[in-house]
PDB file of N, CA and C in Angstrom:
ATOM      1  N   MET A   1     -65.303  70.869   7.326  1.00  0.00           N
ATOM      2  CA  MET A   1     -65.108  69.746   6.437  1.00  0.00           C
ATOM      3  C   MET A   1     -63.719  69.822   5.803  1.00  0.00           C
ATOM      4  N   THR A   2     -63.090  68.693   5.771  1.00  0.00           N
ATOM      5  CA  THR A   2     -61.777  68.648   5.139  1.00  0.00           C
ATOM      6  C   THR A   2     -61.661  67.402   4.295  1.00  0.00           C
ATOM      7  N   GLY A   3     -60.784  67.462   3.346  1.00  0.00           N
ATOM      8  CA  GLY A   3     -60.466  66.279   2.567  1.00  0.00           C
ATOM      9  C   GLY A   3     -61.627  65.741   1.761  1.00  0.00           C
ATOM     10  N   LYS A   4     -61.783  64.435   1.805  1.00  0.00           N
ATOM     11  CA  LYS A   4     -62.772  63.752   0.972  1.00  0.00           C
ATOM     12  C   LYS A   4     -64.209  64.062   1.389  1.00  0.00           C
ATOM     13  N   GLU A   5     -64.410  64.537   2.617  1.00  0.00           N
ATOM     14  CA  GLU A   5     -65.763  64.868   3.066  1.00  0.00           C
ATOM     15  C   GLU A   5     -66.324  66.081   2.324  1.00  0.00           C
ATOM     16  N   SER A   6     -65.451  66.924   1.808  1.00  0.00           N
ATOM     17  CA  SER A   6     -65.920  68.145   1.143  1.00  0.00           C
ATOM     18  C   SER A   6     -66.239  67.924  -0.338  1.00  0.00           C
ATOM     19  N   LEU A   7     -65.960  66.755  -0.880  1.00  0.00           N
ATOM     20  CA  LEU A   7     -66.199  66.518  -2.299  1.00  0.00           C
ATOM     21  C   LEU A   7     -67.664  66.687  -2.698  1.00  0.00           C
ATOM     22  N   PRO A   8     -68.635  66.140  -1.955  1.00  0.00           N
ATOM     23  CA  PRO A   8     -70.034  66.370  -2.359  1.00  0.00           C
ATOM     24  C   PRO A   8     -70.417  67.845  -2.366  1.00  0.00           C
ATOM     25  N   LEU A   9     -69.840  68.617  -1.471  1.00  0.00           N
ATOM     26  CA  LEU A   9     -70.119  70.051  -1.429  1.00  0.00           C
ATOM     27  C   LEU A   9     -69.568  70.755  -2.670  1.00  0.00           C
ATOM     28  N   ILE A  10     -68.387  70.357  -3.104  1.00  0.00           N
ATOM     29  CA  ILE A  10     -67.805  70.942  -4.310  1.00  0.00           C
ATOM     30  C   ILE A  10     -68.647  70.590  -5.534  1.00  0.00           C
ATOM     31  N   VAL A  11     -69.120  69.344  -5.596  1.00  0.00           N
ATOM     32  CA  VAL A  11     -69.969  68.932  -6.716  1.00  0.00           C
ATOM     33  C   VAL A  11     -71.282  69.709  -6.701  1.00  0.00           C
ATOM     34  N   TYR A  12     -71.844  69.904  -5.522  1.00  0.00           N
ATOM     35  CA  TYR A  12     -73.090  70.668  -5.388  1.00  0.00           C
ATOM     36  C   TYR A  12     -72.915  72.089  -5.934  1.00  0.00           C
ATOM     37  N   PHE A  13     -71.838  72.752  -5.504  1.00  0.00           N
ATOM     38  CA  PHE A  13     -71.589  74.109  -5.997  1.00  0.00           C
ATOM     39  C   PHE A  13     -71.269  74.108  -7.482  1.00  0.00           C
ATOM     40  N   GLY A  14     -70.603  73.072  -7.962  1.00  0.00           N
ATOM     41  CA  GLY A  14     -70.325  72.967  -9.388  1.00  0.00           C
ATOM     42  C   GLY A  14     -71.601  72.891 -10.206  1.00  0.00           C
ATOM     43  N   TYR A  15     -72.584  72.184  -9.670  1.00  0.00           N
ATOM     44  CA  TYR A  15     -73.877  72.077 -10.355  1.00  0.00           C
ATOM     45  C   TYR A  15     -74.555  73.440 -10.458  1.00  0.00           C
ATOM     46  N   TRP A  16     -74.630  74.156  -9.353  1.00  0.00           N
ATOM     47  CA  TRP A  16     -75.337  75.437  -9.352  1.00  0.00           C
ATOM     48  C   TRP A  16     -74.549  76.550 -10.037  1.00  0.00           C
ATOM     49  N   LEU A  17     -73.235  76.484  -9.976  1.00  0.00           N
ATOM     50  CA  LEU A  17     -72.442  77.515 -10.645  1.00  0.00           C
ATOM     51  C   LEU A  17     -72.423  77.337 -12.154  1.00  0.00           C
ATOM     52  N   ALA A  18     -72.928  76.208 -12.651  1.00  0.00           N
ATOM     53  CA  ALA A  18     -73.033  76.014 -14.101  1.00  0.00           C
ATOM     54  C   ALA A  18     -74.008  77.020 -14.706  1.00  0.00           C
ATOM     55  N   PHE A  19     -74.948  77.500 -13.911  1.00  0.00           N
ATOM     56  CA  PHE A  19     -75.877  78.515 -14.401  1.00  0.00           C
ATOM     57  C   PHE A  19     -75.208  79.883 -14.527  1.00  0.00           C
ATOM     58  N   VAL A  20     -74.124  80.094 -13.779  1.00  0.00           N
ATOM     59  CA  VAL A  20     -73.386  81.351 -13.843  1.00  0.00           C
ATOM     60  C   VAL A  20     -72.344  81.280 -14.959  1.00  0.00           C
ATOM     61  N   SER A  21     -71.485  80.264 -14.877  1.00  0.00           N
ATOM     62  CA  SER A  21     -70.441  80.083 -15.879  1.00  0.00           C
ATOM     63  C   SER A  21     -70.104  78.607 -15.967  1.00  0.00           C
ATOM     64  N   HIS A  22     -70.202  78.063 -17.146  1.00  0.00           N
ATOM     65  CA  HIS A  22     -69.919  76.634 -17.275  1.00  0.00           C
ATOM     66  C   HIS A  22     -68.437  76.339 -17.078  1.00  0.00           C
ATOM     67  N   TRP A  23     -67.559  77.336 -17.262  1.00  0.00           N
ATOM     68  CA  TRP A  23     -66.136  77.121 -17.046  1.00  0.00           C
ATOM     69  C   TRP A  23     -65.819  76.926 -15.561  1.00  0.00           C
ATOM     70  N   ILE A  24     -66.495  77.653 -14.702  1.00  0.00           N
ATOM     71  CA  ILE A  24     -66.310  77.463 -13.256  1.00  0.00           C
ATOM     72  C   ILE A  24     -66.766  76.067 -12.866  1.00  0.00           C
ATOM     73  N   SER A  25     -67.884  75.659 -13.408  1.00  0.00           N
ATOM     74  CA  SER A  25     -68.416  74.339 -13.115  1.00  0.00           C
ATOM     75  C   SER A  25     -67.453  73.239 -13.567  1.00  0.00           C
ATOM     76  N   ILE A  26     -66.926  73.365 -14.758  1.00  0.00           N
ATOM     77  CA  ILE A  26     -65.972  72.376 -15.279  1.00  0.00           C
ATOM     78  C   ILE A  26     -64.721  72.332 -14.403  1.00  0.00           C
ATOM     79  N   ALA A  27     -64.241  73.499 -13.983  1.00  0.00           N
ATOM     80  CA  ALA A  27     -63.053  73.551 -13.129  1.00  0.00           C
ATOM     81  C   ALA A  27     -63.292  72.846 -11.802  1.00  0.00           C
ATOM     82  N   LEU A  28     -64.478  73.012 -11.228  1.00  0.00           N
ATOM     83  CA  LEU A  28     -64.782  72.343  -9.965  1.00  0.00           C
ATOM     84  C   LEU A  28     -64.873  70.832 -10.139  1.00  0.00           C
ATOM     85  N   TYR A  29     -65.456  70.380 -11.246  1.00  0.00           N
ATOM     86  CA  TYR A  29     -65.538  68.939 -11.497  1.00  0.00           C
ATOM     87  C   TYR A  29     -64.155  68.337 -11.738  1.00  0.00           C
ATOM     88  N   ILE A  30     -63.281  69.082 -12.402  1.00  0.00           N
ATOM     89  CA  ILE A  30     -61.908  68.605 -12.584  1.00  0.00           C
ATOM     90  C   ILE A  30     -61.188  68.543 -11.243  1.00  0.00           C
ATOM     91  N   LEU A  31     -61.430  69.518 -10.377  1.00  0.00           N
ATOM     92  CA  LEU A  31     -60.846  69.508  -9.034  1.00  0.00           C
ATOM     93  C   LEU A  31     -61.275  68.266  -8.264  1.00  0.00           C
ATOM     94  N   VAL A  32     -62.553  67.927  -8.331  1.00  0.00           N
ATOM     95  CA  VAL A  32     -63.049  66.736  -7.635  1.00  0.00           C
ATOM     96  C   VAL A  32     -62.383  65.486  -8.199  1.00  0.00           C
ATOM     97  N   ALA A  33     -62.246  65.409  -9.520  1.00  0.00           N
ATOM     98  CA  ALA A  33     -61.606  64.240 -10.130  1.00  0.00           C
ATOM     99  C   ALA A  33     -60.148  64.120  -9.684  1.00  0.00           C
ATOM    100  N   LEU A  34     -59.456  65.237  -9.588  1.00  0.00           N
ATOM    101  CA  LEU A  34     -58.062  65.195  -9.136  1.00  0.00           C
ATOM    102  C   LEU A  34     -57.954  64.809  -7.665  1.00  0.00           C
ATOM    103  N   LEU A  35     -58.894  65.270  -6.849  1.00  0.00           N
ATOM    104  CA  LEU A  35     -58.868  64.908  -5.431  1.00  0.00           C
ATOM    105  C   LEU A  35     -59.133  63.421  -5.219  1.00  0.00           C
ATOM    106  N   TRP A  36     -59.904  62.806  -6.101  1.00  0.00           N
ATOM    107  CA  TRP A  36     -60.158  61.365  -5.994  1.00  0.00           C
ATOM    108  C   TRP A  36     -58.905  60.554  -6.291  1.00  0.00           C
ATOM    109  N   LEU A  37     -57.945  61.142  -7.016  1.00  0.00           N
ATOM    110  CA  LEU A  37     -56.716  60.423  -7.334  1.00  0.00           C
ATOM    111  C   LEU A  37     -55.758  60.349  -6.150  1.00  0.00           C
ATOM    112  N   ILE A  38     -55.940  61.226  -5.177  1.00  0.00           N
ATOM    113  CA  ILE A  38     -55.089  61.220  -3.988  1.00  0.00           C
ATOM    114  C   ILE A  38     -55.531  60.074  -3.087  1.00  0.00           C
ATOM    115  N   PRO A  39     -54.618  59.144  -2.760  1.00  0.00           N
ATOM    116  CA  PRO A  39     -55.016  58.005  -1.924  1.00  0.00           C
ATOM    117  C   PRO A  39     -55.375  58.437  -0.499  1.00  0.00           C
ATOM    118  N   ASP A  40     -56.338  57.751   0.069  1.00  0.00           N
ATOM    119  CA  ASP A  40     -56.774  58.031   1.434  1.00  0.00           C
ATOM    120  C   ASP A  40     -55.781  57.386   2.403  1.00  0.00           C
ATOM    121  N   ARG A  41     -55.248  58.154   3.324  1.00  0.00           N
ATOM    122  CA  ARG A  41     -54.247  57.642   4.259  1.00  0.00           C
ATOM    123  C   ARG A  41     -54.801  56.555   5.162  1.00  0.00           C
ATOM    124  N   ARG A  42     -56.076  56.642   5.507  1.00  0.00           N
ATOM    125  CA  ARG A  42     -56.664  55.617   6.379  1.00  0.00           C
ATOM    126  C   ARG A  42     -56.651  54.260   5.700  1.00  0.00           C
ATOM    127  N   ILE A  43     -56.954  54.239   4.409  1.00  0.00           N
ATOM    128  CA  ILE A  43     -56.944  52.973   3.681  1.00  0.00           C
ATOM    129  C   ILE A  43     -55.515  52.474   3.519  1.00  0.00           C
ATOM    130  N   GLU A  44     -54.598  53.375   3.238  1.00  0.00           N
ATOM    131  CA  GLU A  44     -53.201  52.978   3.093  1.00  0.00           C
ATOM    132  C   GLU A  44     -52.673  52.372   4.395  1.00  0.00           C
ATOM    133  N   GLN A  45     -53.024  52.957   5.531  1.00  0.00           N
ATOM    134  CA  GLN A  45     -52.579  52.422   6.822  1.00  0.00           C
ATOM    135  C   GLN A  45     -53.219  51.074   7.107  1.00  0.00           C
ATOM    136  N   MET A  46     -54.495  50.930   6.750  1.00  0.00           N
ATOM    137  CA  MET A  46     -55.191  49.681   6.997  1.00  0.00           C
ATOM    138  C   MET A  46     -54.578  48.556   6.158  1.00  0.00           C
ATOM    139  N   LEU A  47     -54.221  48.841   4.937  1.00  0.00           N
ATOM    140  CA  LEU A  47     -53.624  47.828   4.073  1.00  0.00           C
ATOM    141  C   LEU A  47     -52.194  47.502   4.486  1.00  0.00           C
ATOM    142  N   ALA A  48     -51.504  48.442   5.112  1.00  0.00           N
ATOM    143  CA  ALA A  48     -50.114  48.235   5.510  1.00  0.00           C
ATOM    144  C   ALA A  48     -49.991  47.409   6.790  1.00  0.00           C
ATOM    145  N   THR A  49     -51.003  47.445   7.648  1.00  0.00           N
ATOM    146  CA  THR A  49     -50.923  46.699   8.898  1.00  0.00           C
ATOM    147  C   THR A  49     -51.240  45.235   8.637  1.00  0.00           C
ATOM    148  N   PRO A  50     -50.433  44.325   9.207  1.00  0.00           N
ATOM    149  CA  PRO A  50     -50.697  42.895   8.998  1.00  0.00           C
ATOM    150  C   PRO A  50     -51.932  42.445   9.776  1.00  0.00           C
ATOM    151  N   LYS A  51     -52.701  41.556   9.166  1.00  0.00           N
ATOM    152  CA  LYS A  51     -53.881  41.019   9.827  1.00  0.00           C
ATOM    153  C   LYS A  51     -53.467  39.867  10.733  1.00  0.00           C
ATOM    154  N   SER A  52     -54.081  39.805  11.895  1.00  0.00           N
ATOM    155  CA  SER A  52     -53.842  38.657  12.766  1.00  0.00           C
ATOM    156  C   SER A  52     -54.896  37.591  12.445  1.00  0.00           C
ATOM    157  N   GLU A  53     -54.625  36.385  12.887  1.00  0.00           N
ATOM    158  CA  GLU A  53     -55.491  35.239  12.595  1.00  0.00           C
ATOM    159  C   GLU A  53     -56.894  35.457  13.180  1.00  0.00           C
ATOM    160  N   GLY A  54     -57.905  35.310  12.370  1.00  0.00           N
ATOM    161  CA  GLY A  54     -59.279  35.385  12.843  1.00  0.00           C
ATOM    162  C   GLY A  54     -59.861  36.781  12.926  1.00  0.00           C
ATOM    163  N   THR A  55     -59.114  37.791  12.539  1.00  0.00           N
ATOM    164  CA  THR A  55     -59.661  39.161  12.578  1.00  0.00           C
ATOM    165  C   THR A  55     -59.680  39.728  11.170  1.00  0.00           C
ATOM    166  N   SER A  56     -60.430  40.781  11.040  1.00  0.00           N
ATOM    167  CA  SER A  56     -60.548  41.427   9.755  1.00  0.00           C
ATOM    168  C   SER A  56     -60.179  42.884   9.874  1.00  0.00           C
ATOM    169  N   ASN A  57     -59.591  43.447   8.828  1.00  0.00           N
ATOM    170  CA  ASN A  57     -59.272  44.876   8.820  1.00  0.00           C
ATOM    171  C   ASN A  57     -60.512  45.715   8.590  1.00  0.00           C
ATOM    172  N   PHE A  58     -61.589  45.109   8.179  1.00  0.00           N
ATOM    173  CA  PHE A  58     -62.807  45.856   7.906  1.00  0.00           C
ATOM    174  C   PHE A  58     -63.688  45.722   9.061  1.00  0.00           C
TER     175      PHE A  58
END
Protein backbone atom coordinates (compact mmCIF):
# COMPACT_ATOMS: atom_id res chain seq x y z
CA MET A 1 0.00 0.00 0.00
CA THR A 2 1.23 3.43 -0.85
CA GLY A 3 -0.04 6.94 -0.67
CA LYS A 4 -3.69 7.59 0.05
CA GLU A 5 -4.54 3.87 0.19
CA SER A 6 -2.62 3.53 3.46
CA LEU A 7 -4.58 6.24 5.30
CA PRO A 8 -7.28 3.90 6.70
CA LEU A 9 -4.53 1.62 8.00
CA ILE A 10 -2.83 4.51 9.79
CA VAL A 11 -6.15 5.54 11.34
CA TYR A 12 -6.78 1.94 12.44
CA PHE A 13 -3.40 1.76 14.18
CA GLY A 14 -3.96 5.20 15.66
CA TYR A 15 -7.16 3.94 17.25
CA TRP A 16 -5.55 0.89 18.83
CA LEU A 17 -2.34 2.63 19.84
CA ALA A 18 -4.42 5.09 21.87
CA PHE A 19 -4.59 2.36 24.50
CA VAL A 20 -0.77 2.33 24.67
CA SER A 21 -0.06 6.06 24.43
CA HIS A 22 -2.43 8.80 23.44
CA TRP A 23 0.51 10.85 22.11
CA ILE A 24 1.30 8.20 19.49
CA SER A 25 -2.34 8.16 18.50
CA ILE A 26 -2.49 11.95 18.17
CA ALA A 27 0.70 11.94 16.08
CA LEU A 28 -0.78 9.38 13.69
CA TYR A 29 -4.00 11.37 13.31
CA ILE A 30 -1.99 14.52 12.59
CA LEU A 31 -0.01 12.56 9.99
CA VAL A 32 -3.24 11.51 8.27
CA ALA A 33 -4.49 15.11 8.28
CA LEU A 34 -1.25 16.32 6.71
CA LEU A 35 -1.35 13.60 4.06
CA TRP A 36 -4.86 14.70 3.07
CA LEU A 37 -3.46 18.16 2.29
CA ILE A 38 -1.20 16.74 -0.42
CA PRO A 39 -3.11 16.91 -3.73
CA ASP A 40 -3.68 13.67 -5.60
CA ARG A 41 -1.77 13.67 -8.90
CA ARG A 42 -4.48 11.70 -10.68
CA ILE A 43 -7.04 14.39 -9.95
CA GLU A 44 -4.62 17.14 -10.90
CA GLN A 45 -3.95 15.44 -14.26
CA MET A 46 -7.65 14.88 -14.88
CA LEU A 47 -8.43 18.54 -14.24
CA ALA A 48 -5.53 19.70 -16.43
CA THR A 49 -6.58 17.73 -19.51
CA PRO A 50 -9.15 19.50 -21.71
CA LYS A 51 -12.50 17.78 -22.15
CA SER A 52 -13.65 17.01 -25.65
CA GLU A 53 -17.25 17.58 -26.73
CA GLY A 54 -19.65 14.94 -25.42
CA THR A 55 -17.24 13.19 -23.06
CA SER A 56 -16.70 13.40 -19.37
CA ASN A 57 -13.53 13.27 -17.30
CA PHE A 58 -15.36 11.15 -14.76
